[in-house]
Amino acid sequence: MRLITWTLGVFKKKHKITAVPYTKNMKLVVGSLLGAIAAILQSAGLIGGIGYAFSIMATGPIVLAMVISIRIGLLTYAVTALLLIILQPSEVLVFLFTTGLLGIALGIGFKLYKTGSMVSVMGGSLLSAGILILLYLFQFPVLGPSVSSRVSGTVVAGVFLFGQFYSWIWMNLSMLGMRHLNKVMVRKLLVEKDESS
């Protein structure tokens, strides 16, 4: 009974993520910085080994940009893709359909839904769709060369379950990052008000 109560509590838990109101110039600066960070992180896979750990972190800056403003988030997504064309063209499709798409989905989810479970489901569904599009439509071996590009129910189910779990992890990381960013920005705004008065 306690497990059921705990599970229902997790799914009903509200995320309480809101963005600090930034000026238009500040949004552009933060968005461009986040786009550059995302491009650097995504292209770190070129190093191999630990580089792959950094490349999966490219979702974070996109989520933060989307929470600040959907328009800025979409521009950050586009800027990151353009930078990747210059830095590492082989990572553009992976970013557009996996890490970047997850960031977009989670950011929009935080804007549309109040509960973390809905945000996580939205992110996981779009991530799964992006992986399956890469695998079956573009014939891109996103899951490695051992996974066939023929449609398989087992692969689709596995991708969906992985997408939901991965999205849940990123939803929690994004909430943590956004709370920290908001605290820093609120402190900065308070300091600026004290200096101007």
C-alpha atoms as a PDB file:
ATOM      1  CA  MET A   1       0.000   0.000   0.000  1.00  0.00           C
ATOM      2  CA  ARG A   2       2.836   2.410   0.834  1.00  0.00           C
ATOM      3  CA  LEU A   3       4.453   1.715  -2.558  1.00  0.00           C
ATOM      4  CA  ILE A   4       1.208   2.576  -4.376  1.00  0.00           C
ATOM      5  CA  THR A   5       0.796   5.773  -2.332  1.00  0.00           C
ATOM      6  CA  TRP A   6       4.429   6.765  -3.001  1.00  0.00           C
ATOM      7  CA  THR A   7       4.059   6.046  -6.761  1.00  0.00           C
ATOM      8  CA  LEU A   8       0.873   8.127  -7.019  1.00  0.00           C
ATOM      9  CA  GLY A   9       2.575  10.925  -5.080  1.00  0.00           C
ATOM     10  CA  VAL A  10       5.495  10.956  -7.515  1.00  0.00           C
ATOM     11  CA  PHE A  11       3.156  11.190 -10.525  1.00  0.00           C
ATOM     12  CA  LYS A  12       1.073  13.998  -8.976  1.00  0.00           C
ATOM     13  CA  LYS A  13       4.073  15.995  -7.724  1.00  0.00           C
ATOM     14  CA  LYS A  14       4.191  19.500  -9.182  1.00  0.00           C
ATOM     15  CA  HIS A  15       7.497  20.691 -10.615  1.00  0.00           C
ATOM     16  CA  LYS A  16       7.097  24.428  -9.662  1.00  0.00           C
ATOM     17  CA  ILE A  17       9.526  25.526 -12.407  1.00  0.00           C
ATOM     18  CA  THR A  18       9.192  29.153 -13.462  1.00  0.00           C
ATOM     19  CA  ALA A  19      11.709  31.415 -15.112  1.00  0.00           C
ATOM     20  CA  VAL A  20      12.988  34.643 -13.645  1.00  0.00           C
ATOM     21  CA  PRO A  21      11.818  37.509 -15.913  1.00  0.00           C
ATOM     22  CA  TYR A  22      14.827  38.504 -18.025  1.00  0.00           C
ATOM     23  CA  THR A  23      15.180  41.543 -20.265  1.00  0.00           C
ATOM     24  CA  LYS A  24      15.137  40.869 -24.039  1.00  0.00           C
ATOM     25  CA  ASN A  25      18.876  41.520 -24.290  1.00  0.00           C
ATOM     26  CA  MET A  26      19.594  39.201 -21.381  1.00  0.00           C
ATOM     27  CA  LYS A  27      17.470  36.454 -22.996  1.00  0.00           C
ATOM     28  CA  LEU A  28      19.456  36.767 -26.244  1.00  0.00           C
ATOM     29  CA  VAL A  29      22.796  36.679 -24.434  1.00  0.00           C
ATOM     30  CA  VAL A  30      21.826  33.714 -22.245  1.00  0.00           C
ATOM     31  CA  GLY A  31      20.329  31.885 -25.256  1.00  0.00           C
ATOM     32  CA  SER A  32      23.434  32.353 -27.380  1.00  0.00           C
ATOM     33  CA  LEU A  33      25.711  31.237 -24.540  1.00  0.00           C
ATOM     34  CA  LEU A  34      23.558  28.166 -23.928  1.00  0.00           C
ATOM     35  CA  GLY A  35      23.628  27.380 -27.668  1.00  0.00           C
ATOM     36  CA  ALA A  36      27.429  27.572 -27.744  1.00  0.00           C
ATOM     37  CA  ILE A  37      27.677  25.368 -24.643  1.00  0.00           C
ATOM     38  CA  ALA A  38      25.270  22.812 -26.168  1.00  0.00           C
ATOM     39  CA  ALA A  39      27.278  22.709 -29.428  1.00  0.00           C
ATOM     40  CA  ILE A  40      30.562  22.191 -27.566  1.00  0.00           C
ATOM     41  CA  LEU A  41      29.062  19.461 -25.385  1.00  0.00           C
ATOM     42  CA  GLN A  42      27.441  17.670 -28.342  1.00  0.00           C
ATOM     43  CA  SER A  43      30.670  17.713 -30.368  1.00  0.00           C
ATOM     44  CA  ALA A  44      32.646  16.307 -27.398  1.00  0.00           C
ATOM     45  CA  GLY A  45      31.670  12.825 -28.601  1.00  0.00           C
ATOM     46  CA  LEU A  46      34.502  13.192 -31.127  1.00  0.00           C
ATOM     47  CA  ILE A  47      36.968  12.602 -28.272  1.00  0.00           C
ATOM     48  CA  GLY A  48      35.423   9.190 -27.495  1.00  0.00           C
ATOM     49  CA  GLY A  49      35.181   7.610 -24.047  1.00  0.00           C
ATOM     50  CA  ILE A  50      34.449  10.412 -21.599  1.00  0.00           C
ATOM     51  CA  GLY A  51      33.479  12.640 -24.542  1.00  0.00           C
ATOM     52  CA  TYR A  52      30.252  10.646 -24.932  1.00  0.00           C
ATOM     53  CA  ALA A  53      29.363  11.464 -21.325  1.00  0.00           C
ATOM     54  CA  PHE A  54      29.751  15.165 -22.156  1.00  0.00           C
ATOM     55  CA  SER A  55      27.768  14.880 -25.402  1.00  0.00           C
ATOM     56  CA  ILE A  56      24.645  13.633 -23.609  1.00  0.00           C
ATOM     57  CA  MET A  57      24.787  16.792 -21.452  1.00  0.00           C
ATOM     58  CA  ALA A  58      23.845  18.906 -24.505  1.00  0.00           C
ATOM     59  CA  THR A  59      20.178  18.492 -23.538  1.00  0.00           C
ATOM     60  CA  GLY A  60      20.602  20.682 -20.442  1.00  0.00           C
ATOM     61  CA  PRO A  61      21.295  24.041 -22.121  1.00  0.00           C
ATOM     62  CA  ILE A  62      18.354  23.552 -24.507  1.00  0.00           C
ATOM     63  CA  VAL A  63      15.944  22.828 -21.632  1.00  0.00           C
ATOM     64  CA  LEU A  64      17.150  25.916 -19.744  1.00  0.00           C
ATOM     65  CA  ALA A  65      16.756  28.097 -22.844  1.00  0.00           C
ATOM     66  CA  MET A  66      13.239  26.752 -23.466  1.00  0.00           C
ATOM     67  CA  VAL A  67      12.167  27.430 -19.880  1.00  0.00           C
ATOM     68  CA  ILE A  68      13.439  31.009 -20.118  1.00  0.00           C
ATOM     69  CA  SER A  69      11.471  31.549 -23.335  1.00  0.00           C
ATOM     70  CA  ILE A  70      10.136  29.188 -26.007  1.00  0.00           C
ATOM     71  CA  ARG A  71      11.274  31.594 -28.735  1.00  0.00           C
ATOM     72  CA  ILE A  72      14.788  31.823 -27.287  1.00  0.00           C
ATOM     73  CA  GLY A  73      14.821  28.040 -26.804  1.00  0.00           C
ATOM     74  CA  LEU A  74      13.979  27.399 -30.457  1.00  0.00           C
ATOM     75  CA  LEU A  75      16.607  29.935 -31.550  1.00  0.00           C
ATOM     76  CA  THR A  76      19.155  28.233 -29.252  1.00  0.00           C
ATOM     77  CA  TYR A  77      18.251  24.877 -30.818  1.00  0.00           C
ATOM     78  CA  ALA A  78      18.777  26.309 -34.320  1.00  0.00           C
ATOM     79  CA  VAL A  79      22.053  28.058 -33.375  1.00  0.00           C
ATOM     80  CA  THR A  80      23.380  24.838 -31.838  1.00  0.00           C
ATOM     81  CA  ALA A  81      22.556  22.904 -35.028  1.00  0.00           C
ATOM     82  CA  LEU A  82      24.307  25.551 -37.169  1.00  0.00           C
ATOM     83  CA  LEU A  83      27.388  25.503 -34.923  1.00  0.00           C
ATOM     84  CA  LEU A  84      27.464  21.703 -35.137  1.00  0.00           C
ATOM     85  CA  ILE A  85      27.503  21.905 -38.939  1.00  0.00           C
ATOM     86  CA  ILE A  86      30.801  23.785 -38.544  1.00  0.00           C
ATOM     87  CA  LEU A  87      32.244  21.886 -35.552  1.00  0.00           C
ATOM     88  CA  GLN A  88      31.141  18.309 -36.208  1.00  0.00           C
ATOM     89  CA  PRO A  89      28.637  17.692 -39.037  1.00  0.00           C
ATOM     90  CA  SER A  90      28.218  14.007 -38.103  1.00  0.00           C
ATOM     91  CA  GLU A  91      26.513  15.047 -34.841  1.00  0.00           C
ATOM     92  CA  VAL A  92      23.871  17.328 -36.405  1.00  0.00           C
ATOM     93  CA  LEU A  93      21.251  14.608 -36.991  1.00  0.00           C
ATOM     94  CA  VAL A  94      21.893  13.070 -33.578  1.00  0.00           C
ATOM     95  CA  PHE A  95      21.403  16.468 -31.919  1.00  0.00           C
ATOM     96  CA  LEU A  96      18.307  17.413 -33.930  1.00  0.00           C
ATOM     97  CA  PHE A  97      16.491  14.123 -33.255  1.00  0.00           C
ATOM     98  CA  THR A  98      17.745  13.055 -29.818  1.00  0.00           C
ATOM     99  CA  THR A  99      19.458  15.365 -27.311  1.00  0.00           C
ATOM    100  CA  GLY A 100      18.138  18.619 -28.784  1.00  0.00           C
ATOM    101  CA  LEU A 101      14.630  17.282 -29.375  1.00  0.00           C
ATOM    102  CA  LEU A 102      14.485  16.022 -25.788  1.00  0.00           C
ATOM    103  CA  GLY A 103      15.488  19.497 -24.571  1.00  0.00           C
ATOM    104  CA  ILE A 104      12.744  21.116 -26.673  1.00  0.00           C
ATOM    105  CA  ALA A 105      10.138  18.608 -25.447  1.00  0.00           C
ATOM    106  CA  LEU A 106      11.048  18.994 -21.772  1.00  0.00           C
ATOM    107  CA  GLY A 107      11.119  22.795 -22.038  1.00  0.00           C
ATOM    108  CA  ILE A 108       7.684  22.909 -23.651  1.00  0.00           C
ATOM    109  CA  GLY A 109       6.472  20.335 -21.120  1.00  0.00           C
ATOM    110  CA  PHE A 110       7.554  22.568 -18.229  1.00  0.00           C
ATOM    111  CA  LYS A 111       5.552  25.411 -19.806  1.00  0.00           C
ATOM    112  CA  LEU A 112       2.406  23.372 -20.553  1.00  0.00           C
ATOM    113  CA  TYR A 113       2.108  20.951 -17.639  1.00  0.00           C
ATOM    114  CA  LYS A 114       2.258  21.401 -13.887  1.00  0.00           C
ATOM    115  CA  THR A 115       3.271  17.846 -12.957  1.00  0.00           C
ATOM    116  CA  GLY A 116       6.701  16.377 -13.529  1.00  0.00           C
ATOM    117  CA  SER A 117       5.256  13.065 -14.753  1.00  0.00           C
ATOM    118  CA  MET A 118       3.536  14.723 -17.730  1.00  0.00           C
ATOM    119  CA  VAL A 119       6.731  16.624 -18.576  1.00  0.00           C
ATOM    120  CA  SER A 120       8.678  13.367 -18.429  1.00  0.00           C
ATOM    121  CA  VAL A 121       6.169  11.456 -20.602  1.00  0.00           C
ATOM    122  CA  MET A 122       6.165  14.221 -23.223  1.00  0.00           C
ATOM    123  CA  GLY A 123       9.962  14.292 -23.340  1.00  0.00           C
ATOM    124  CA  GLY A 124      10.250  10.509 -23.476  1.00  0.00           C
ATOM    125  CA  SER A 125       7.674  10.195 -26.254  1.00  0.00           C
ATOM    126  CA  LEU A 126       9.379  12.767 -28.472  1.00  0.00           C
ATOM    127  CA  LEU A 127      12.825  11.322 -27.757  1.00  0.00           C
ATOM    128  CA  SER A 128      11.580   7.848 -28.698  1.00  0.00           C
ATOM    129  CA  ALA A 129      10.003   9.217 -31.886  1.00  0.00           C
ATOM    130  CA  GLY A 130      13.258  10.994 -32.782  1.00  0.00           C
ATOM    131  CA  ILE A 131      15.346   7.844 -32.269  1.00  0.00           C
ATOM    132  CA  LEU A 132      12.923   5.759 -34.329  1.00  0.00           C
ATOM    133  CA  ILE A 133      12.904   8.357 -37.135  1.00  0.00           C
ATOM    134  CA  LEU A 134      16.708   8.295 -37.224  1.00  0.00           C
ATOM    135  CA  LEU A 135      16.789   4.498 -37.161  1.00  0.00           C
ATOM    136  CA  TYR A 136      13.992   3.647 -39.599  1.00  0.00           C
ATOM    137  CA  LEU A 137      13.483   6.723 -41.808  1.00  0.00           C
ATOM    138  CA  PHE A 138      17.069   7.975 -42.191  1.00  0.00           C
ATOM    139  CA  GLN A 139      18.617   4.499 -41.718  1.00  0.00           C
ATOM    140  CA  PHE A 140      21.092   6.131 -39.308  1.00  0.00           C
ATOM    141  CA  PRO A 141      22.609   3.555 -36.901  1.00  0.00           C
ATOM    142  CA  VAL A 142      21.868   5.600 -33.781  1.00  0.00           C
ATOM    143  CA  LEU A 143      21.661   2.440 -31.654  1.00  0.00           C
ATOM    144  CA  GLY A 144      24.836   0.960 -33.106  1.00  0.00           C
ATOM    145  CA  PRO A 145      25.526  -1.274 -36.099  1.00  0.00           C
ATOM    146  CA  SER A 146      24.125  -4.403 -34.409  1.00  0.00           C
ATOM    147  CA  VAL A 147      20.527  -3.049 -34.455  1.00  0.00           C
ATOM    148  CA  SER A 148      18.823  -3.671 -37.802  1.00  0.00           C
ATOM    149  CA  SER A 149      17.083  -0.846 -39.648  1.00  0.00           C
ATOM    150  CA  ARG A 150      14.084  -3.149 -40.218  1.00  0.00           C
ATOM    151  CA  VAL A 151      11.083  -2.295 -38.055  1.00  0.00           C
ATOM    152  CA  SER A 152      10.985  -4.506 -34.964  1.00  0.00           C
ATOM    153  CA  GLY A 153       8.390  -4.420 -32.181  1.00  0.00           C
ATOM    154  CA  THR A 154      11.018  -5.347 -29.599  1.00  0.00           C
ATOM    155  CA  VAL A 155      13.284  -2.469 -30.644  1.00  0.00           C
ATOM    156  CA  VAL A 156      10.361  -0.001 -30.681  1.00  0.00           C
ATOM    157  CA  ALA A 157       9.260  -1.088 -27.183  1.00  0.00           C
ATOM    158  CA  GLY A 158      12.847  -0.969 -25.892  1.00  0.00           C
ATOM    159  CA  VAL A 159      13.387   2.507 -27.356  1.00  0.00           C
ATOM    160  CA  PHE A 160      10.125   3.736 -25.810  1.00  0.00           C
ATOM    161  CA  LEU A 161      11.009   2.405 -22.349  1.00  0.00           C
ATOM    162  CA  PHE A 162      14.528   3.824 -22.603  1.00  0.00           C
ATOM    163  CA  GLY A 163      13.129   7.179 -23.774  1.00  0.00           C
ATOM    164  CA  GLN A 164      10.783   7.400 -20.780  1.00  0.00           C
ATOM    165  CA  PHE A 165      13.516   6.522 -18.287  1.00  0.00           C
ATOM    166  CA  TYR A 166      16.057   8.882 -19.882  1.00  0.00           C
ATOM    167  CA  SER A 167      13.492  11.685 -20.024  1.00  0.00           C
ATOM    168  CA  TRP A 168      12.651  11.188 -16.331  1.00  0.00           C
ATOM    169  CA  ILE A 169      16.355  11.539 -15.444  1.00  0.00           C
ATOM    170  CA  TRP A 170      16.661  14.703 -17.530  1.00  0.00           C
ATOM    171  CA  MET A 171      13.457  16.167 -16.112  1.00  0.00           C
ATOM    172  CA  ASN A 172      14.885  15.865 -12.584  1.00  0.00           C
ATOM    173  CA  LEU A 173      18.291  17.231 -13.646  1.00  0.00           C
ATOM    174  CA  SER A 174      16.584  20.165 -15.395  1.00  0.00           C
ATOM    175  CA  MET A 175      14.526  20.985 -12.305  1.00  0.00           C
ATOM    176  CA  LEU A 176      17.695  20.991 -10.216  1.00  0.00           C
ATOM    177  CA  GLY A 177      19.572  23.161 -12.731  1.00  0.00           C
ATOM    178  CA  MET A 178      16.711  25.632 -13.161  1.00  0.00           C
ATOM    179  CA  ARG A 179      16.274  26.101  -9.414  1.00  0.00           C
ATOM    180  CA  HIS A 180      20.002  26.831  -9.079  1.00  0.00           C
ATOM    181  CA  LEU A 181      19.954  29.235 -12.044  1.00  0.00           C
ATOM    182  CA  ASN A 182      16.922  31.083 -10.658  1.00  0.00           C
ATOM    183  CA  LYS A 183      18.624  31.502  -7.245  1.00  0.00           C
ATOM    184  CA  VAL A 184      21.731  32.954  -8.914  1.00  0.00           C
ATOM    185  CA  MET A 185      19.663  35.324 -11.103  1.00  0.00           C
ATOM    186  CA  VAL A 186      17.491  36.488  -8.160  1.00  0.00           C
ATOM    187  CA  ARG A 187      20.649  37.253  -6.147  1.00  0.00           C
ATOM    188  CA  LYS A 188      22.077  39.159  -9.123  1.00  0.00           C
ATOM    189  CA  LEU A 189      18.873  41.198  -9.534  1.00  0.00           C
ATOM    190  CA  LEU A 190      18.830  42.039  -5.809  1.00  0.00           C
ATOM    191  CA  VAL A 191      22.467  43.181  -5.925  1.00  0.00           C
ATOM    192  CA  GLU A 192      21.743  45.356  -8.980  1.00  0.00           C
ATOM    193  CA  LYS A 193      18.746  46.956  -7.221  1.00  0.00           C
ATOM    194  CA  ASP A 194      20.845  47.702  -4.127  1.00  0.00           C
ATOM    195  CA  GLU A 195      23.587  49.304  -6.241  1.00  0.00           C
ATOM    196  CA  SER A 196      21.133  51.452  -8.221  1.00  0.00           C
ATOM    197  CA  SER A 197      19.341  52.783  -5.096  1.00  0.00           C
END
